[in-house]
Amino acid sequence: MYQSPVKNIEHYFEASYLSELYQDVILNEKRVGALLRKIGTERDKVVNYAQSFIREEDHILIDVTHLISHSQYIDIARYGYNSQNEYDPQINLMFMFSSELQTPVFYRVLPGNIREVSAFKHDWRQRIFLKIKH
């Protein structure tokens, strides 16, 4: 919905043709927030679903990006250097993409003080490669 903040999704939905196709859908801020929290707490299901599309002949591409956050409520935001050599409180998002499907097949949220190379060395790295081989 136009890369909108959650609080604006209801407005954009109601102003779109989608609201005519899906008349029983309610997309208010509270319901969307609850859905996102539920998805966030069931990361293993999201990862298993995404990994189910990986094929043996596929190539995996890795991207780590940072998000600067000065929020007091995000515990995982830690001071660290990013690719612009800035030292800010940040969160690192690691995505692994299928080159064939051009979609994410794995993701990991990391504290901002963990760099890409260190993140890749974690024990969960082995889990995705074992999954790819099957």
N, C-alpha and C. Protein backbone atom coordinates (compact mmCIF):
# COMPACT_ATOMS: atom_id res chain seq x y z
N MET A 1 0.83 -1.17 0.00
CA MET A 1 0.00 0.00 0.00
C MET A 1 0.88 1.25 0.00
N TYR A 2 1.56 1.51 -1.06
CA TYR A 2 2.34 2.73 -1.25
C TYR A 2 3.45 2.89 -0.23
N GLN A 3 4.03 1.80 0.29
CA GLN A 3 5.06 1.85 1.32
C GLN A 3 4.65 2.82 2.43
N SER A 4 3.46 2.66 2.88
CA SER A 4 2.84 3.56 3.84
C SER A 4 3.11 3.12 5.27
N PRO A 5 3.16 4.06 6.21
CA PRO A 5 3.17 3.66 7.62
C PRO A 5 1.88 2.90 7.93
N VAL A 6 1.94 2.05 8.93
CA VAL A 6 0.79 1.23 9.29
C VAL A 6 -0.44 2.10 9.55
N LYS A 7 -0.25 3.25 10.16
CA LYS A 7 -1.40 4.10 10.49
C LYS A 7 -2.15 4.61 9.26
N ASN A 8 -1.52 4.59 8.07
CA ASN A 8 -2.17 5.09 6.85
C ASN A 8 -2.72 3.98 5.95
N ILE A 9 -2.47 2.73 6.30
CA ILE A 9 -2.87 1.63 5.42
C ILE A 9 -4.38 1.60 5.20
N GLU A 10 -5.14 1.84 6.24
CA GLU A 10 -6.60 1.81 6.11
C GLU A 10 -7.08 2.82 5.08
N HIS A 11 -6.54 4.02 5.13
CA HIS A 11 -6.93 5.07 4.17
C HIS A 11 -6.61 4.64 2.73
N TYR A 12 -5.40 4.18 2.51
CA TYR A 12 -5.02 3.78 1.15
C TYR A 12 -5.82 2.59 0.66
N PHE A 13 -6.09 1.65 1.55
CA PHE A 13 -6.90 0.49 1.17
C PHE A 13 -8.31 0.92 0.76
N GLU A 14 -8.94 1.76 1.57
CA GLU A 14 -10.31 2.19 1.28
C GLU A 14 -10.39 3.03 0.01
N ALA A 15 -9.31 3.72 -0.34
CA ALA A 15 -9.29 4.55 -1.54
C ALA A 15 -8.87 3.76 -2.78
N SER A 16 -8.60 2.47 -2.61
CA SER A 16 -8.12 1.68 -3.75
C SER A 16 -9.21 0.72 -4.24
N TYR A 17 -8.97 0.18 -5.41
CA TYR A 17 -9.89 -0.80 -5.99
C TYR A 17 -9.92 -2.08 -5.17
N LEU A 18 -8.86 -2.35 -4.41
CA LEU A 18 -8.82 -3.55 -3.58
C LEU A 18 -9.98 -3.60 -2.59
N SER A 19 -10.40 -2.44 -2.10
CA SER A 19 -11.51 -2.42 -1.13
C SER A 19 -12.82 -2.88 -1.78
N GLU A 20 -12.94 -2.76 -3.08
CA GLU A 20 -14.12 -3.27 -3.78
C GLU A 20 -14.03 -4.78 -3.98
N LEU A 21 -12.81 -5.26 -4.23
CA LEU A 21 -12.62 -6.70 -4.41
C LEU A 21 -12.75 -7.46 -3.10
N TYR A 22 -12.25 -6.87 -2.02
CA TYR A 22 -12.23 -7.51 -0.70
C TYR A 22 -13.02 -6.65 0.29
N GLN A 23 -14.33 -6.72 0.19
CA GLN A 23 -15.19 -5.85 0.97
C GLN A 23 -15.25 -6.22 2.45
N ASP A 24 -14.93 -7.45 2.79
CA ASP A 24 -15.00 -7.89 4.19
C ASP A 24 -13.69 -7.66 4.95
N VAL A 25 -12.69 -7.13 4.31
CA VAL A 25 -11.38 -6.93 4.94
C VAL A 25 -11.37 -5.61 5.72
N ILE A 26 -10.87 -5.69 6.94
CA ILE A 26 -10.72 -4.49 7.78
C ILE A 26 -9.22 -4.30 8.02
N LEU A 27 -8.67 -3.21 7.54
CA LEU A 27 -7.24 -2.96 7.67
C LEU A 27 -6.96 -1.74 8.55
N ASN A 28 -7.49 -1.72 9.75
CA ASN A 28 -7.18 -0.60 10.62
C ASN A 28 -5.82 -0.83 11.29
N GLU A 29 -5.30 0.21 11.89
CA GLU A 29 -3.95 0.17 12.48
C GLU A 29 -3.81 -0.93 13.53
N LYS A 30 -4.82 -1.12 14.33
CA LYS A 30 -4.77 -2.12 15.40
C LYS A 30 -4.69 -3.55 14.83
N ARG A 31 -5.50 -3.84 13.83
CA ARG A 31 -5.51 -5.19 13.25
C ARG A 31 -4.23 -5.49 12.47
N VAL A 32 -3.75 -4.50 11.71
CA VAL A 32 -2.52 -4.70 10.95
C VAL A 32 -1.34 -4.87 11.92
N GLY A 33 -1.31 -4.06 12.97
CA GLY A 33 -0.26 -4.18 13.98
C GLY A 33 -0.25 -5.55 14.64
N ALA A 34 -1.44 -6.05 14.97
CA ALA A 34 -1.55 -7.38 15.58
C ALA A 34 -1.05 -8.47 14.63
N LEU A 35 -1.40 -8.35 13.35
CA LEU A 35 -0.93 -9.33 12.36
C LEU A 35 0.59 -9.29 12.23
N LEU A 36 1.17 -8.11 12.17
CA LEU A 36 2.62 -7.99 12.05
C LEU A 36 3.33 -8.55 13.29
N ARG A 37 2.75 -8.31 14.48
CA ARG A 37 3.34 -8.88 15.71
C ARG A 37 3.29 -10.41 15.67
N LYS A 38 2.17 -10.96 15.21
CA LYS A 38 2.02 -12.42 15.13
C LYS A 38 3.04 -13.00 14.16
N ILE A 39 3.18 -12.38 13.00
CA ILE A 39 4.17 -12.85 12.02
C ILE A 39 5.58 -12.75 12.61
N GLY A 40 5.86 -11.67 13.31
CA GLY A 40 7.18 -11.47 13.90
C GLY A 40 7.53 -12.48 14.97
N THR A 41 6.53 -12.99 15.68
CA THR A 41 6.81 -13.98 16.72
C THR A 41 6.89 -15.40 16.17
N GLU A 42 6.55 -15.58 14.92
CA GLU A 42 6.59 -16.91 14.31
C GLU A 42 7.60 -16.95 13.16
N ARG A 43 8.79 -16.41 13.45
CA ARG A 43 9.85 -16.31 12.45
C ARG A 43 10.19 -17.67 11.84
N ASP A 44 10.22 -18.73 12.65
CA ASP A 44 10.58 -20.05 12.14
C ASP A 44 9.63 -20.50 11.04
N LYS A 45 8.35 -20.19 11.17
CA LYS A 45 7.39 -20.56 10.13
C LYS A 45 7.61 -19.76 8.85
N VAL A 46 7.94 -18.49 9.00
CA VAL A 46 8.22 -17.64 7.84
C VAL A 46 9.45 -18.16 7.10
N VAL A 47 10.51 -18.47 7.84
CA VAL A 47 11.75 -18.97 7.23
C VAL A 47 11.51 -20.32 6.57
N ASN A 48 10.81 -21.23 7.23
CA ASN A 48 10.54 -22.54 6.63
C ASN A 48 9.73 -22.40 5.34
N TYR A 49 8.76 -21.52 5.34
CA TYR A 49 7.96 -21.29 4.14
C TYR A 49 8.85 -20.75 3.01
N ALA A 50 9.65 -19.74 3.31
CA ALA A 50 10.51 -19.15 2.27
C ALA A 50 11.51 -20.17 1.75
N GLN A 51 12.07 -20.98 2.64
CA GLN A 51 13.08 -21.95 2.22
C GLN A 51 12.48 -23.10 1.42
N SER A 52 11.19 -23.31 1.52
CA SER A 52 10.57 -24.40 0.77
C SER A 52 10.66 -24.19 -0.74
N PHE A 53 10.97 -22.98 -1.17
CA PHE A 53 11.07 -22.68 -2.60
C PHE A 53 12.47 -22.88 -3.16
N ILE A 54 13.47 -23.11 -2.31
CA ILE A 54 14.86 -23.26 -2.76
C ILE A 54 15.01 -24.58 -3.51
N ARG A 55 15.69 -24.53 -4.63
CA ARG A 55 16.00 -25.71 -5.42
C ARG A 55 17.51 -25.93 -5.41
N GLU A 56 17.93 -27.17 -5.57
CA GLU A 56 19.35 -27.52 -5.47
C GLU A 56 20.21 -26.73 -6.46
N GLU A 57 19.69 -26.46 -7.64
CA GLU A 57 20.48 -25.78 -8.67
C GLU A 57 20.49 -24.25 -8.49
N ASP A 58 19.79 -23.75 -7.51
CA ASP A 58 19.68 -22.32 -7.27
C ASP A 58 20.96 -21.75 -6.66
N HIS A 59 21.18 -20.47 -6.86
CA HIS A 59 22.28 -19.74 -6.24
C HIS A 59 21.68 -18.80 -5.21
N ILE A 60 22.37 -18.65 -4.09
CA ILE A 60 21.89 -17.80 -3.01
C ILE A 60 22.73 -16.53 -2.96
N LEU A 61 22.04 -15.39 -2.95
CA LEU A 61 22.69 -14.08 -2.86
C LEU A 61 22.45 -13.51 -1.47
N ILE A 62 23.45 -12.86 -0.90
CA ILE A 62 23.34 -12.36 0.46
C ILE A 62 23.43 -10.84 0.46
N ASP A 63 22.55 -10.21 1.22
CA ASP A 63 22.56 -8.76 1.37
C ASP A 63 22.35 -8.42 2.84
N VAL A 64 23.20 -7.58 3.36
CA VAL A 64 23.03 -7.07 4.72
C VAL A 64 22.88 -5.56 4.62
N THR A 65 21.83 -5.06 5.21
CA THR A 65 21.59 -3.62 5.19
C THR A 65 21.35 -3.14 6.61
N HIS A 66 21.59 -1.89 6.85
CA HIS A 66 21.42 -1.35 8.20
C HIS A 66 20.25 -0.37 8.24
N LEU A 67 19.64 -0.29 9.40
CA LEU A 67 18.58 0.68 9.66
C LEU A 67 18.98 1.44 10.92
N ILE A 68 19.17 2.73 10.80
CA ILE A 68 19.52 3.55 11.96
C ILE A 68 18.26 3.77 12.78
N SER A 69 18.38 3.61 14.10
CA SER A 69 17.23 3.80 14.98
C SER A 69 17.68 4.44 16.29
N HIS A 70 17.03 5.53 16.64
CA HIS A 70 17.28 6.18 17.93
C HIS A 70 16.15 5.89 18.91
N SER A 71 15.33 4.90 18.60
CA SER A 71 14.19 4.55 19.45
C SER A 71 14.68 3.93 20.76
N GLN A 72 14.05 4.33 21.84
CA GLN A 72 14.37 3.75 23.15
C GLN A 72 13.72 2.38 23.32
N TYR A 73 12.79 2.04 22.45
CA TYR A 73 12.01 0.82 22.60
C TYR A 73 12.52 -0.35 21.75
N ILE A 74 13.56 -0.12 20.99
CA ILE A 74 14.11 -1.20 20.16
C ILE A 74 15.41 -1.66 20.80
N ASP A 75 15.32 -2.74 21.55
CA ASP A 75 16.46 -3.22 22.32
C ASP A 75 17.63 -3.69 21.46
N ILE A 76 17.33 -4.16 20.27
CA ILE A 76 18.37 -4.73 19.41
C ILE A 76 19.22 -3.66 18.70
N ALA A 77 18.78 -2.42 18.71
CA ALA A 77 19.56 -1.34 18.10
C ALA A 77 20.81 -1.10 18.95
N ARG A 78 21.96 -1.26 18.34
CA ARG A 78 23.24 -1.09 19.04
C ARG A 78 24.15 -0.19 18.21
N TYR A 79 25.03 0.50 18.90
CA TYR A 79 26.00 1.34 18.19
C TYR A 79 26.97 0.46 17.42
N GLY A 80 27.17 0.83 16.17
CA GLY A 80 28.10 0.12 15.32
C GLY A 80 28.35 0.91 14.06
N TYR A 81 29.41 0.55 13.35
CA TYR A 81 29.74 1.20 12.09
C TYR A 81 28.96 0.56 10.96
N ASN A 82 28.49 1.38 10.03
CA ASN A 82 27.80 0.84 8.87
C ASN A 82 28.65 1.07 7.62
N SER A 83 28.10 0.77 6.46
CA SER A 83 28.86 0.88 5.21
C SER A 83 29.27 2.31 4.87
N GLN A 84 28.61 3.30 5.46
CA GLN A 84 28.99 4.71 5.25
C GLN A 84 29.99 5.17 6.32
N ASN A 85 30.47 4.22 7.12
CA ASN A 85 31.44 4.48 8.18
C ASN A 85 30.87 5.43 9.25
N GLU A 86 29.55 5.35 9.44
CA GLU A 86 28.88 6.15 10.47
C GLU A 86 28.70 5.27 11.71
N TYR A 87 28.89 5.87 12.86
CA TYR A 87 28.75 5.15 14.12
C TYR A 87 27.45 5.59 14.77
N ASP A 88 26.39 4.81 14.55
CA ASP A 88 25.05 5.15 15.02
C ASP A 88 24.41 3.92 15.65
N PRO A 89 23.36 4.13 16.47
CA PRO A 89 22.58 2.96 16.91
C PRO A 89 21.81 2.42 15.71
N GLN A 90 21.95 1.14 15.46
CA GLN A 90 21.36 0.59 14.25
C GLN A 90 21.00 -0.87 14.42
N ILE A 91 20.26 -1.34 13.46
CA ILE A 91 19.86 -2.74 13.36
C ILE A 91 20.36 -3.22 11.99
N ASN A 92 20.90 -4.42 11.95
CA ASN A 92 21.32 -5.00 10.67
C ASN A 92 20.32 -6.05 10.24
N LEU A 93 19.91 -5.97 8.99
CA LEU A 93 19.00 -6.96 8.40
C LEU A 93 19.76 -7.78 7.38
N MET A 94 19.83 -9.07 7.59
CA MET A 94 20.50 -9.96 6.64
C MET A 94 19.44 -10.72 5.86
N PHE A 95 19.52 -10.63 4.56
CA PHE A 95 18.61 -11.36 3.68
C PHE A 95 19.41 -12.29 2.78
N MET A 96 18.89 -13.47 2.54
CA MET A 96 19.44 -14.37 1.55
C MET A 96 18.36 -14.53 0.49
N PHE A 97 18.74 -14.30 -0.75
CA PHE A 97 17.80 -14.31 -1.87
C PHE A 97 18.08 -15.48 -2.79
N SER A 98 17.04 -16.01 -3.37
CA SER A 98 17.17 -16.99 -4.44
C SER A 98 17.42 -16.22 -5.73
N SER A 99 18.52 -16.54 -6.42
CA SER A 99 18.80 -15.84 -7.68
C SER A 99 17.79 -16.24 -8.76
N GLU A 100 17.29 -17.45 -8.66
CA GLU A 100 16.32 -17.93 -9.65
C GLU A 100 14.95 -17.28 -9.43
N LEU A 101 14.50 -17.26 -8.19
CA LEU A 101 13.18 -16.71 -7.88
C LEU A 101 13.18 -15.21 -7.65
N GLN A 102 14.35 -14.67 -7.33
CA GLN A 102 14.52 -13.25 -7.01
C GLN A 102 13.64 -12.83 -5.83
N THR A 103 13.59 -13.71 -4.83
CA THR A 103 12.84 -13.43 -3.61
C THR A 103 13.67 -13.88 -2.41
N PRO A 104 13.39 -13.32 -1.23
CA PRO A 104 14.11 -13.76 -0.03
C PRO A 104 13.75 -15.20 0.33
N VAL A 105 14.75 -15.96 0.76
CA VAL A 105 14.53 -17.32 1.23
C VAL A 105 14.99 -17.47 2.68
N PHE A 106 15.56 -16.42 3.24
CA PHE A 106 16.00 -16.44 4.63
C PHE A 106 16.22 -15.00 5.06
N TYR A 107 15.97 -14.73 6.34
CA TYR A 107 16.29 -13.41 6.87
C TYR A 107 16.69 -13.53 8.32
N ARG A 108 17.42 -12.56 8.77
CA ARG A 108 17.86 -12.52 10.16
C ARG A 108 18.00 -11.07 10.57
N VAL A 109 17.49 -10.73 11.74
CA VAL A 109 17.65 -9.39 12.31
C VAL A 109 18.78 -9.47 13.32
N LEU A 110 19.76 -8.58 13.18
CA LEU A 110 20.95 -8.62 14.02
C LEU A 110 21.19 -7.28 14.69
N PRO A 111 21.81 -7.29 15.87
CA PRO A 111 22.18 -6.02 16.49
C PRO A 111 23.14 -5.24 15.59
N GLY A 112 23.11 -3.93 15.70
CA GLY A 112 23.93 -3.08 14.85
C GLY A 112 25.41 -3.21 15.08
N ASN A 113 25.83 -3.80 16.19
CA ASN A 113 27.25 -3.94 16.44
C ASN A 113 27.83 -5.24 15.89
N ILE A 114 27.03 -6.02 15.19
CA ILE A 114 27.52 -7.25 14.54
C ILE A 114 27.68 -6.98 13.05
N ARG A 115 28.88 -7.11 12.56
CA ARG A 115 29.18 -6.85 11.14
C ARG A 115 28.80 -8.05 10.29
N GLU A 116 28.78 -7.85 8.98
CA GLU A 116 28.34 -8.87 8.04
C GLU A 116 29.13 -10.17 8.16
N VAL A 117 30.44 -10.05 8.23
CA VAL A 117 31.28 -11.26 8.27
C VAL A 117 31.01 -12.05 9.54
N SER A 118 30.91 -11.36 10.66
CA SER A 118 30.61 -12.04 11.93
C SER A 118 29.23 -12.68 11.89
N ALA A 119 28.27 -11.99 11.32
CA ALA A 119 26.90 -12.51 11.24
C ALA A 119 26.86 -13.80 10.44
N PHE A 120 27.63 -13.83 9.39
CA PHE A 120 27.63 -15.00 8.51
C PHE A 120 28.25 -16.22 9.19
N LYS A 121 29.09 -16.01 10.19
CA LYS A 121 29.77 -17.10 10.88
C LYS A 121 28.90 -17.77 11.94
N HIS A 122 27.76 -17.19 12.28
CA HIS A 122 26.90 -17.75 13.32
C HIS A 122 26.46 -19.17 12.97
N ASP A 123 26.10 -19.91 13.99
CA ASP A 123 25.72 -21.31 13.79
C ASP A 123 24.51 -21.49 12.91
N TRP A 124 23.63 -20.49 12.79
CA TRP A 124 22.44 -20.63 11.95
C TRP A 124 22.79 -20.66 10.47
N ARG A 125 24.02 -20.25 10.13
CA ARG A 125 24.47 -20.32 8.74
C ARG A 125 24.38 -21.75 8.24
N GLN A 126 24.77 -22.69 9.08
CA GLN A 126 24.77 -24.09 8.67
C GLN A 126 23.36 -24.58 8.38
N ARG A 127 22.37 -24.08 9.11
CA ARG A 127 21.00 -24.54 8.90
C ARG A 127 20.50 -24.24 7.50
N ILE A 128 20.78 -23.04 7.00
CA ILE A 128 20.26 -22.72 5.66
C ILE A 128 20.97 -23.53 4.59
N PHE A 129 22.28 -23.76 4.73
CA PHE A 129 22.98 -24.52 3.72
C PHE A 129 22.60 -25.99 3.75
N LEU A 130 22.29 -26.52 4.92
CA LEU A 130 21.79 -27.89 4.99
C LEU A 130 20.43 -27.98 4.31
N LYS A 131 19.61 -26.97 4.50
CA LYS A 131 18.29 -26.93 3.88
C LYS A 131 18.41 -26.86 2.35
N ILE A 132 19.38 -26.09 1.86
CA ILE A 132 19.56 -25.93 0.42
C ILE A 132 19.97 -27.24 -0.22
N LYS A 133 20.77 -28.03 0.46
CA LYS A 133 21.29 -29.28 -0.11
C LYS A 133 20.22 -30.34 -0.24
N HIS A 134 19.11 -30.19 0.46
CA HIS A 134 18.06 -31.22 0.40
C HIS A 134 17.02 -30.90 -0.63
